[in-house]
Amino acid sequence: MFRRKRRLPLGGLLAAAVIAWLLWLLVRSVAGLLGGTDSGGARETVLEFYTMEREGNFGGSWELFHSQMKEHFTKDSYIQKRAHVFMQDFGVETFGIRLGELKAVGSWRMAPEQTPLEGVFAVPVIMEYNSSFGVFEVDQEVYVAQEAGEWKVLWSYQESSDTESS
């Protein structure tokens, strides 16, 4: 005795696929409006960068820089300057880190002469130092952009009035 396989109507499958796709788009757009779209680890990259900085691993943090940042600092120069500022000038060995909410900024330039980058996100970072000069905070807007499929860190080198998207 042969059993006849029941087939789902092609129209039903197509309708289910369209509904699933529309739900996916809705979830993405709502997450984007709420500032929660991360596109897979942008905020985590910033946290990893500053965790390495806090631990004194300036060579490791430099590796998380975007190529435009690596043009700004050679690795040796960056390691030397960061260690000097933190340990000698500030008189600290570590610092606290607080990250704000990730927000999409779209097209953005690191400096006026740089090529604009697309799909950039910004993360406010607050570093708290307990130094020989007392307790103080450095509040910096940090940017992340994808390069070769990985999130990379950038800092702004524009005048404060020019840091908006370009």
N, C-alpha and C. Protein backbone atom coordinates (compact mmCIF):
# COMPACT_ATOMS: atom_id res chain seq x y z
N MET A 1 0.81 -1.15 0.00
CA MET A 1 0.00 0.00 0.00
C MET A 1 0.87 1.25 0.00
N PHE A 2 0.60 2.09 -0.92
CA PHE A 2 1.37 3.33 -1.04
C PHE A 2 0.67 4.44 -0.30
N ARG A 3 1.48 5.18 0.41
CA ARG A 3 0.95 6.36 1.07
C ARG A 3 1.24 7.57 0.21
N ARG A 4 0.28 8.35 0.10
CA ARG A 4 0.45 9.56 -0.67
C ARG A 4 1.01 10.65 0.25
N LYS A 5 2.13 11.24 -0.15
CA LYS A 5 2.73 12.30 0.65
C LYS A 5 1.91 13.57 0.47
N ARG A 6 1.70 14.18 1.54
CA ARG A 6 0.93 15.40 1.50
C ARG A 6 1.87 16.56 1.19
N ARG A 7 1.55 17.31 0.21
CA ARG A 7 2.39 18.44 -0.17
C ARG A 7 1.78 19.73 0.35
N LEU A 8 2.66 20.58 0.81
CA LEU A 8 2.21 21.90 1.21
C LEU A 8 2.06 22.73 -0.05
N PRO A 9 1.06 23.49 -0.11
CA PRO A 9 0.88 24.32 -1.30
C PRO A 9 2.03 25.33 -1.40
N LEU A 10 2.52 25.53 -2.60
CA LEU A 10 3.62 26.46 -2.86
C LEU A 10 3.28 27.86 -2.38
N GLY A 11 2.07 28.26 -2.56
CA GLY A 11 1.63 29.59 -2.11
C GLY A 11 1.75 29.75 -0.61
N GLY A 12 1.45 28.70 0.14
CA GLY A 12 1.56 28.74 1.60
C GLY A 12 3.00 28.89 2.06
N LEU A 13 3.91 28.18 1.40
CA LEU A 13 5.33 28.30 1.74
C LEU A 13 5.85 29.70 1.42
N LEU A 14 5.45 30.21 0.28
CA LEU A 14 5.87 31.55 -0.11
C LEU A 14 5.34 32.59 0.86
N ALA A 15 4.10 32.46 1.26
CA ALA A 15 3.50 33.40 2.21
C ALA A 15 4.23 33.32 3.56
N ALA A 16 4.56 32.13 4.02
CA ALA A 16 5.28 31.96 5.29
C ALA A 16 6.67 32.61 5.20
N ALA A 17 7.35 32.45 4.08
CA ALA A 17 8.68 33.04 3.90
C ALA A 17 8.59 34.57 3.92
N VAL A 18 7.59 35.12 3.25
CA VAL A 18 7.43 36.58 3.22
C VAL A 18 7.13 37.11 4.61
N ILE A 19 6.28 36.42 5.36
CA ILE A 19 5.95 36.85 6.72
C ILE A 19 7.19 36.80 7.62
N ALA A 20 7.97 35.73 7.51
CA ALA A 20 9.20 35.62 8.30
C ALA A 20 10.17 36.75 7.96
N TRP A 21 10.30 37.05 6.68
CA TRP A 21 11.19 38.12 6.23
C TRP A 21 10.71 39.48 6.77
N LEU A 22 9.41 39.74 6.72
CA LEU A 22 8.87 41.00 7.23
C LEU A 22 9.07 41.13 8.74
N LEU A 23 8.90 40.04 9.47
CA LEU A 23 9.15 40.07 10.91
C LEU A 23 10.61 40.37 11.22
N TRP A 24 11.50 39.77 10.45
CA TRP A 24 12.94 40.00 10.62
C TRP A 24 13.25 41.48 10.38
N LEU A 25 12.70 42.07 9.31
CA LEU A 25 12.91 43.49 9.03
C LEU A 25 12.36 44.37 10.15
N LEU A 26 11.20 44.03 10.66
CA LEU A 26 10.60 44.79 11.74
C LEU A 26 11.49 44.77 12.99
N VAL A 27 11.97 43.62 13.36
CA VAL A 27 12.84 43.49 14.54
C VAL A 27 14.11 44.31 14.34
N ARG A 28 14.71 44.23 13.17
CA ARG A 28 15.93 45.01 12.89
C ARG A 28 15.67 46.50 12.97
N SER A 29 14.57 46.96 12.40
CA SER A 29 14.32 48.41 12.39
C SER A 29 14.00 48.91 13.79
N VAL A 30 13.26 48.16 14.58
CA VAL A 30 12.95 48.56 15.96
C VAL A 30 14.23 48.60 16.78
N ALA A 31 15.09 47.61 16.63
CA ALA A 31 16.36 47.59 17.36
C ALA A 31 17.22 48.78 16.96
N GLY A 32 17.22 49.15 15.69
CA GLY A 32 17.98 50.30 15.22
C GLY A 32 17.46 51.60 15.81
N LEU A 33 16.14 51.74 15.89
CA LEU A 33 15.55 52.95 16.46
C LEU A 33 15.87 53.08 17.94
N LEU A 34 16.00 51.97 18.62
CA LEU A 34 16.30 51.98 20.04
C LEU A 34 17.79 52.09 20.32
N GLY A 35 18.61 52.12 19.28
CA GLY A 35 20.05 52.23 19.45
C GLY A 35 20.69 50.91 19.81
N GLY A 36 19.99 49.81 19.66
CA GLY A 36 20.53 48.53 20.06
C GLY A 36 21.20 47.76 18.95
N THR A 37 21.14 48.25 17.73
CA THR A 37 21.76 47.53 16.63
C THR A 37 23.26 47.62 16.78
N ASP A 38 23.92 46.52 16.80
CA ASP A 38 25.35 46.48 17.02
C ASP A 38 26.06 45.91 15.81
N SER A 39 25.36 45.27 14.94
CA SER A 39 25.96 44.66 13.77
C SER A 39 27.08 43.70 14.14
N GLY A 40 26.95 43.06 15.26
CA GLY A 40 27.87 41.97 15.58
C GLY A 40 29.15 42.30 16.30
N GLY A 41 29.11 43.08 17.35
CA GLY A 41 30.28 43.20 18.20
C GLY A 41 30.99 44.54 18.21
N ALA A 42 30.40 45.60 17.68
CA ALA A 42 31.07 46.91 17.68
C ALA A 42 31.36 47.38 19.10
N ARG A 43 30.37 47.32 19.97
CA ARG A 43 30.55 47.77 21.36
C ARG A 43 31.55 46.87 22.09
N GLU A 44 31.49 45.57 21.81
CA GLU A 44 32.40 44.63 22.45
C GLU A 44 33.85 44.90 22.06
N THR A 45 34.06 45.37 20.82
CA THR A 45 35.41 45.71 20.37
C THR A 45 35.96 46.89 21.16
N VAL A 46 35.11 47.89 21.41
CA VAL A 46 35.53 49.05 22.21
C VAL A 46 35.87 48.60 23.63
N LEU A 47 35.03 47.73 24.21
CA LEU A 47 35.31 47.22 25.55
C LEU A 47 36.62 46.44 25.58
N GLU A 48 36.84 45.61 24.58
CA GLU A 48 38.10 44.84 24.50
C GLU A 48 39.30 45.79 24.41
N PHE A 49 39.17 46.83 23.59
CA PHE A 49 40.25 47.82 23.43
C PHE A 49 40.61 48.44 24.77
N TYR A 50 39.61 48.94 25.49
CA TYR A 50 39.89 49.64 26.75
C TYR A 50 40.25 48.68 27.89
N THR A 51 39.82 47.44 27.80
CA THR A 51 40.27 46.45 28.78
C THR A 51 41.76 46.20 28.62
N MET A 52 42.21 46.09 27.36
CA MET A 52 43.65 45.94 27.11
C MET A 52 44.42 47.17 27.58
N GLU A 53 43.87 48.35 27.32
CA GLU A 53 44.52 49.59 27.76
C GLU A 53 44.65 49.61 29.28
N ARG A 54 43.57 49.23 29.97
CA ARG A 54 43.57 49.22 31.43
C ARG A 54 44.65 48.27 31.97
N GLU A 55 44.86 47.16 31.26
CA GLU A 55 45.85 46.17 31.69
C GLU A 55 47.27 46.53 31.25
N GLY A 56 47.42 47.65 30.54
CA GLY A 56 48.74 48.06 30.07
C GLY A 56 49.18 47.37 28.80
N ASN A 57 48.27 46.65 28.15
CA ASN A 57 48.59 45.94 26.90
C ASN A 57 48.35 46.88 25.71
N PHE A 58 49.19 47.90 25.58
CA PHE A 58 48.99 48.92 24.55
C PHE A 58 49.30 48.38 23.15
N GLY A 59 50.16 47.38 23.06
CA GLY A 59 50.41 46.74 21.77
C GLY A 59 49.18 45.98 21.29
N GLY A 60 48.50 45.32 22.20
CA GLY A 60 47.28 44.58 21.86
C GLY A 60 46.15 45.53 21.48
N SER A 61 46.02 46.63 22.22
CA SER A 61 44.97 47.59 21.90
C SER A 61 45.25 48.25 20.55
N TRP A 62 46.50 48.53 20.24
CA TRP A 62 46.86 49.14 18.95
C TRP A 62 46.41 48.26 17.80
N GLU A 63 46.45 46.94 17.99
CA GLU A 63 46.03 46.01 16.93
C GLU A 63 44.54 46.16 16.61
N LEU A 64 43.75 46.70 17.54
CA LEU A 64 42.32 46.90 17.31
C LEU A 64 42.02 48.23 16.63
N PHE A 65 43.06 49.02 16.33
CA PHE A 65 42.86 50.27 15.62
C PHE A 65 42.53 50.03 14.15
N HIS A 66 41.71 50.90 13.59
CA HIS A 66 41.44 50.96 12.16
C HIS A 66 42.74 51.39 11.46
N SER A 67 42.90 51.06 10.19
CA SER A 67 44.12 51.42 9.47
C SER A 67 44.37 52.93 9.46
N GLN A 68 43.31 53.74 9.48
CA GLN A 68 43.51 55.20 9.53
C GLN A 68 44.17 55.60 10.85
N MET A 69 43.85 54.92 11.94
CA MET A 69 44.50 55.20 13.22
C MET A 69 45.95 54.71 13.20
N LYS A 70 46.18 53.56 12.55
CA LYS A 70 47.54 53.03 12.48
C LYS A 70 48.44 53.93 11.65
N GLU A 71 47.85 54.71 10.71
CA GLU A 71 48.62 55.70 9.98
C GLU A 71 48.98 56.87 10.88
N HIS A 72 48.14 57.14 11.85
CA HIS A 72 48.34 58.25 12.78
C HIS A 72 49.42 57.93 13.81
N PHE A 73 49.46 56.69 14.29
CA PHE A 73 50.43 56.24 15.28
C PHE A 73 51.13 54.98 14.78
N THR A 74 52.45 54.95 14.82
CA THR A 74 53.13 53.66 14.64
C THR A 74 52.91 52.88 15.94
N LYS A 75 53.07 51.59 15.88
CA LYS A 75 52.83 50.77 17.07
C LYS A 75 53.79 51.15 18.20
N ASP A 76 55.08 51.26 17.88
CA ASP A 76 56.08 51.60 18.91
C ASP A 76 55.80 52.96 19.54
N SER A 77 55.48 53.95 18.70
CA SER A 77 55.19 55.29 19.20
C SER A 77 53.97 55.29 20.11
N TYR A 78 52.92 54.56 19.70
CA TYR A 78 51.70 54.49 20.51
C TYR A 78 51.98 53.86 21.87
N ILE A 79 52.66 52.74 21.87
CA ILE A 79 52.96 52.04 23.14
C ILE A 79 53.74 52.97 24.06
N GLN A 80 54.74 53.64 23.52
CA GLN A 80 55.58 54.53 24.32
C GLN A 80 54.76 55.69 24.89
N LYS A 81 53.96 56.34 24.04
CA LYS A 81 53.19 57.51 24.48
C LYS A 81 52.12 57.14 25.50
N ARG A 82 51.40 56.05 25.26
CA ARG A 82 50.33 55.66 26.19
C ARG A 82 50.91 55.27 27.55
N ALA A 83 51.98 54.49 27.54
CA ALA A 83 52.60 54.10 28.81
C ALA A 83 53.10 55.34 29.55
N HIS A 84 53.68 56.28 28.82
CA HIS A 84 54.20 57.50 29.43
C HIS A 84 53.07 58.32 30.06
N VAL A 85 51.98 58.51 29.32
CA VAL A 85 50.86 59.32 29.82
C VAL A 85 50.24 58.67 31.05
N PHE A 86 49.91 57.37 30.96
CA PHE A 86 49.23 56.72 32.08
C PHE A 86 50.13 56.57 33.30
N MET A 87 51.28 55.98 33.11
CA MET A 87 52.09 55.60 34.26
C MET A 87 52.93 56.75 34.79
N GLN A 88 53.51 57.54 33.91
CA GLN A 88 54.38 58.61 34.39
C GLN A 88 53.61 59.91 34.63
N ASP A 89 52.88 60.39 33.65
CA ASP A 89 52.20 61.68 33.80
C ASP A 89 51.04 61.61 34.78
N PHE A 90 50.17 60.61 34.64
CA PHE A 90 49.01 60.50 35.53
C PHE A 90 49.37 59.83 36.86
N GLY A 91 50.43 59.05 36.88
CA GLY A 91 50.81 58.34 38.10
C GLY A 91 49.83 57.24 38.46
N VAL A 92 49.29 56.54 37.46
CA VAL A 92 48.34 55.47 37.70
C VAL A 92 48.81 54.18 37.04
N GLU A 93 48.28 53.09 37.53
CA GLU A 93 48.57 51.80 36.91
C GLU A 93 47.36 51.23 36.19
N THR A 94 46.17 51.70 36.54
CA THR A 94 44.95 51.20 35.93
C THR A 94 43.87 52.27 36.00
N PHE A 95 42.71 52.01 35.44
CA PHE A 95 41.60 52.95 35.47
C PHE A 95 40.30 52.20 35.31
N GLY A 96 39.20 52.83 35.73
CA GLY A 96 37.87 52.25 35.55
C GLY A 96 37.33 52.61 34.17
N ILE A 97 36.45 51.77 33.65
CA ILE A 97 35.87 51.97 32.32
C ILE A 97 34.35 51.89 32.41
N ARG A 98 33.67 52.86 31.80
CA ARG A 98 32.22 52.80 31.63
C ARG A 98 31.91 53.11 30.18
N LEU A 99 31.11 52.27 29.55
CA LEU A 99 30.71 52.49 28.16
C LEU A 99 29.26 52.92 28.13
N GLY A 100 28.96 53.90 27.27
CA GLY A 100 27.58 54.32 27.05
C GLY A 100 26.94 53.46 25.97
N GLU A 101 25.79 53.89 25.51
CA GLU A 101 25.06 53.16 24.49
C GLU A 101 25.65 53.39 23.11
N LEU A 102 25.68 52.35 22.33
CA LEU A 102 26.13 52.40 20.95
C LEU A 102 25.10 53.15 20.12
N LYS A 103 25.57 54.05 19.25
CA LYS A 103 24.65 54.74 18.35
C LYS A 103 25.26 54.84 16.95
N ALA A 104 24.42 54.62 15.96
CA ALA A 104 24.86 54.69 14.57
C ALA A 104 25.07 56.15 14.18
N VAL A 105 26.20 56.44 13.52
CA VAL A 105 26.45 57.80 13.03
C VAL A 105 26.50 57.85 11.51
N GLY A 106 26.51 56.70 10.85
CA GLY A 106 26.51 56.68 9.38
C GLY A 106 27.87 57.01 8.82
N SER A 107 27.91 57.97 7.89
CA SER A 107 29.16 58.40 7.26
C SER A 107 29.92 59.30 8.22
N TRP A 108 31.24 59.08 8.36
CA TRP A 108 32.02 59.80 9.36
C TRP A 108 33.48 59.88 8.91
N ARG A 109 34.16 60.95 9.29
CA ARG A 109 35.59 61.12 9.01
C ARG A 109 36.37 61.23 10.31
N MET A 110 37.51 60.58 10.36
CA MET A 110 38.37 60.67 11.53
C MET A 110 38.99 62.07 11.61
N ALA A 111 39.38 62.61 10.47
CA ALA A 111 39.96 63.95 10.37
C ALA A 111 39.53 64.53 9.03
N PRO A 112 39.57 65.84 8.89
CA PRO A 112 39.09 66.46 7.66
C PRO A 112 39.74 65.92 6.38
N GLU A 113 40.99 65.55 6.46
CA GLU A 113 41.69 65.07 5.26
C GLU A 113 41.49 63.58 4.97
N GLN A 114 40.83 62.87 5.87
CA GLN A 114 40.62 61.42 5.71
C GLN A 114 39.42 61.12 4.82
N THR A 115 39.46 59.95 4.21
CA THR A 115 38.33 59.45 3.44
C THR A 115 37.19 59.13 4.39
N PRO A 116 35.95 59.51 4.04
CA PRO A 116 34.83 59.18 4.93
C PRO A 116 34.60 57.66 4.98
N LEU A 117 34.21 57.21 6.16
CA LEU A 117 33.88 55.80 6.38
C LEU A 117 32.37 55.68 6.51
N GLU A 118 31.82 54.59 6.02
CA GLU A 118 30.37 54.35 6.09
C GLU A 118 30.07 53.34 7.20
N GLY A 119 28.85 53.38 7.70
CA GLY A 119 28.40 52.40 8.70
C GLY A 119 29.13 52.52 10.01
N VAL A 120 29.47 53.73 10.41
CA VAL A 120 30.24 53.96 11.64
C VAL A 120 29.29 54.07 12.83
N PHE A 121 29.75 53.56 13.96
CA PHE A 121 29.03 53.66 15.22
C PHE A 121 29.88 54.44 16.21
N ALA A 122 29.23 55.10 17.16
CA ALA A 122 29.92 55.83 18.23
C ALA A 122 29.54 55.22 19.57
N VAL A 123 30.52 55.20 20.48
CA VAL A 123 30.30 54.71 21.84
C VAL A 123 30.96 55.70 22.79
N PRO A 124 30.20 56.32 23.69
CA PRO A 124 30.83 57.17 24.70
C PRO A 124 31.60 56.29 25.70
N VAL A 125 32.84 56.68 25.98
CA VAL A 125 33.68 55.94 26.93
C VAL A 125 34.11 56.91 28.02
N ILE A 126 33.94 56.48 29.26
CA ILE A 126 34.40 57.27 30.40
C ILE A 126 35.45 56.44 31.12
N MET A 127 36.64 57.03 31.25
CA MET A 127 37.73 56.39 31.98
C MET A 127 37.94 57.16 33.28
N GLU A 128 37.94 56.45 34.40
CA GLU A 128 38.10 57.08 35.70
C GLU A 128 39.48 56.74 36.26
N TYR A 129 40.24 57.79 36.58
CA TYR A 129 41.61 57.64 37.07
C TYR A 129 41.69 58.08 38.52
N ASN A 130 42.33 57.28 39.35
CA ASN A 130 42.66 57.64 40.71
C ASN A 130 44.16 57.91 40.69
N SER A 131 44.51 59.17 40.46
CA SER A 131 45.90 59.52 40.18
C SER A 131 46.53 60.31 41.31
N SER A 132 47.80 60.64 41.12
CA SER A 132 48.49 61.49 42.08
C SER A 132 47.92 62.90 42.07
N PHE A 133 47.10 63.24 41.06
CA PHE A 133 46.44 64.54 40.98
C PHE A 133 45.00 64.48 41.47
N GLY A 134 44.60 63.36 42.02
CA GLY A 134 43.24 63.17 42.49
C GLY A 134 42.46 62.28 41.53
N VAL A 135 41.17 62.14 41.79
CA VAL A 135 40.30 61.32 40.96
C VAL A 135 39.75 62.21 39.85
N PHE A 136 39.88 61.76 38.63
CA PHE A 136 39.31 62.51 37.51
C PHE A 136 38.84 61.55 36.43
N GLU A 137 37.99 62.07 35.54
CA GLU A 137 37.44 61.26 34.46
C GLU A 137 37.79 61.87 33.11
N VAL A 138 38.02 61.00 32.15
CA VAL A 138 38.19 61.40 30.76
C VAL A 138 37.00 60.82 30.01
N ASP A 139 36.24 61.70 29.38
CA ASP A 139 35.04 61.32 28.64
C ASP A 139 35.37 61.47 27.15
N GLN A 140 35.33 60.38 26.42
CA GLN A 140 35.71 60.40 25.00
C GLN A 140 34.70 59.64 24.16
N GLU A 141 34.31 60.24 23.06
CA GLU A 141 33.46 59.54 22.08
C GLU A 141 34.40 58.70 21.22
N VAL A 142 34.16 57.40 21.21
CA VAL A 142 35.00 56.47 20.44
C VAL A 142 34.17 55.93 19.29
N TYR A 143 34.81 55.78 18.15
CA TYR A 143 34.11 55.35 16.94
C TYR A 143 34.60 53.98 16.52
N VAL A 144 33.71 53.21 15.89
CA VAL A 144 34.08 51.90 15.36
C VAL A 144 33.53 51.76 13.95
N ALA A 145 34.36 51.18 13.10
CA ALA A 145 33.97 50.94 11.71
C ALA A 145 34.51 49.58 11.31
N GLN A 146 33.83 48.95 10.39
CA GLN A 146 34.30 47.65 9.93
C GLN A 146 35.41 47.82 8.91
N GLU A 147 36.39 46.95 9.02
CA GLU A 147 37.50 46.89 8.08
C GLU A 147 37.85 45.42 7.91
N ALA A 148 37.78 44.94 6.70
CA ALA A 148 38.04 43.53 6.40
C ALA A 148 37.17 42.62 7.27
N GLY A 149 35.91 43.03 7.49
CA GLY A 149 34.96 42.20 8.23
C GLY A 149 35.09 42.23 9.73
N GLU A 150 35.97 43.08 10.26
CA GLU A 150 36.16 43.19 11.71
C GLU A 150 35.94 44.62 12.15
N TRP A 151 35.41 44.78 13.37
CA TRP A 151 35.24 46.11 13.93
C TRP A 151 36.58 46.64 14.38
N LYS A 152 36.84 47.91 14.05
CA LYS A 152 38.11 48.56 14.40
C LYS A 152 37.83 49.91 15.04
N VAL A 153 38.68 50.31 15.96
CA VAL A 153 38.52 51.51 16.77
C VAL A 153 39.14 52.73 16.09
N LEU A 154 38.42 53.86 16.22
CA LEU A 154 38.92 55.15 15.72
C LEU A 154 38.65 56.23 16.75
N TRP A 155 39.50 57.25 16.76
CA TRP A 155 39.27 58.45 17.55
C TRP A 155 39.09 59.61 16.58
N SER A 156 38.41 60.62 17.02
CA SER A 156 38.19 61.80 16.19
C SER A 156 39.35 62.77 16.33
N TYR A 157 39.80 63.31 15.20
CA TYR A 157 40.84 64.35 15.18
C TYR A 157 40.29 65.57 14.47
N GLN A 158 39.05 65.90 14.76
CA GLN A 158 38.40 67.09 14.19
C GLN A 158 38.13 68.07 15.32
N GLU A 159 37.92 69.31 14.94
CA GLU A 159 37.51 70.32 15.94
C GLU A 159 36.20 69.86 16.54
N SER A 160 35.95 70.20 17.78
CA SER A 160 34.75 69.73 18.46
C SER A 160 33.47 70.10 17.72
N SER A 161 33.44 71.24 17.03
CA SER A 161 32.23 71.62 16.30
C SER A 161 32.11 70.84 14.99
N ASP A 162 33.18 70.14 14.57
CA ASP A 162 33.18 69.41 13.31
C ASP A 162 33.02 67.90 13.49
N THR A 163 32.71 67.42 14.68
CA THR A 163 32.70 65.98 14.91
C THR A 163 31.41 65.32 14.48
N GLU A 164 30.46 66.08 13.99
CA GLU A 164 29.23 65.47 13.47
C GLU A 164 29.53 64.71 12.20
N SER A 165 28.62 63.90 11.76
CA SER A 165 28.78 63.14 10.52
C SER A 165 29.08 64.07 9.37
N SER A 166 29.95 63.61 8.46
CA SER A 166 30.27 64.41 7.28
C SER A 166 29.76 63.74 6.05
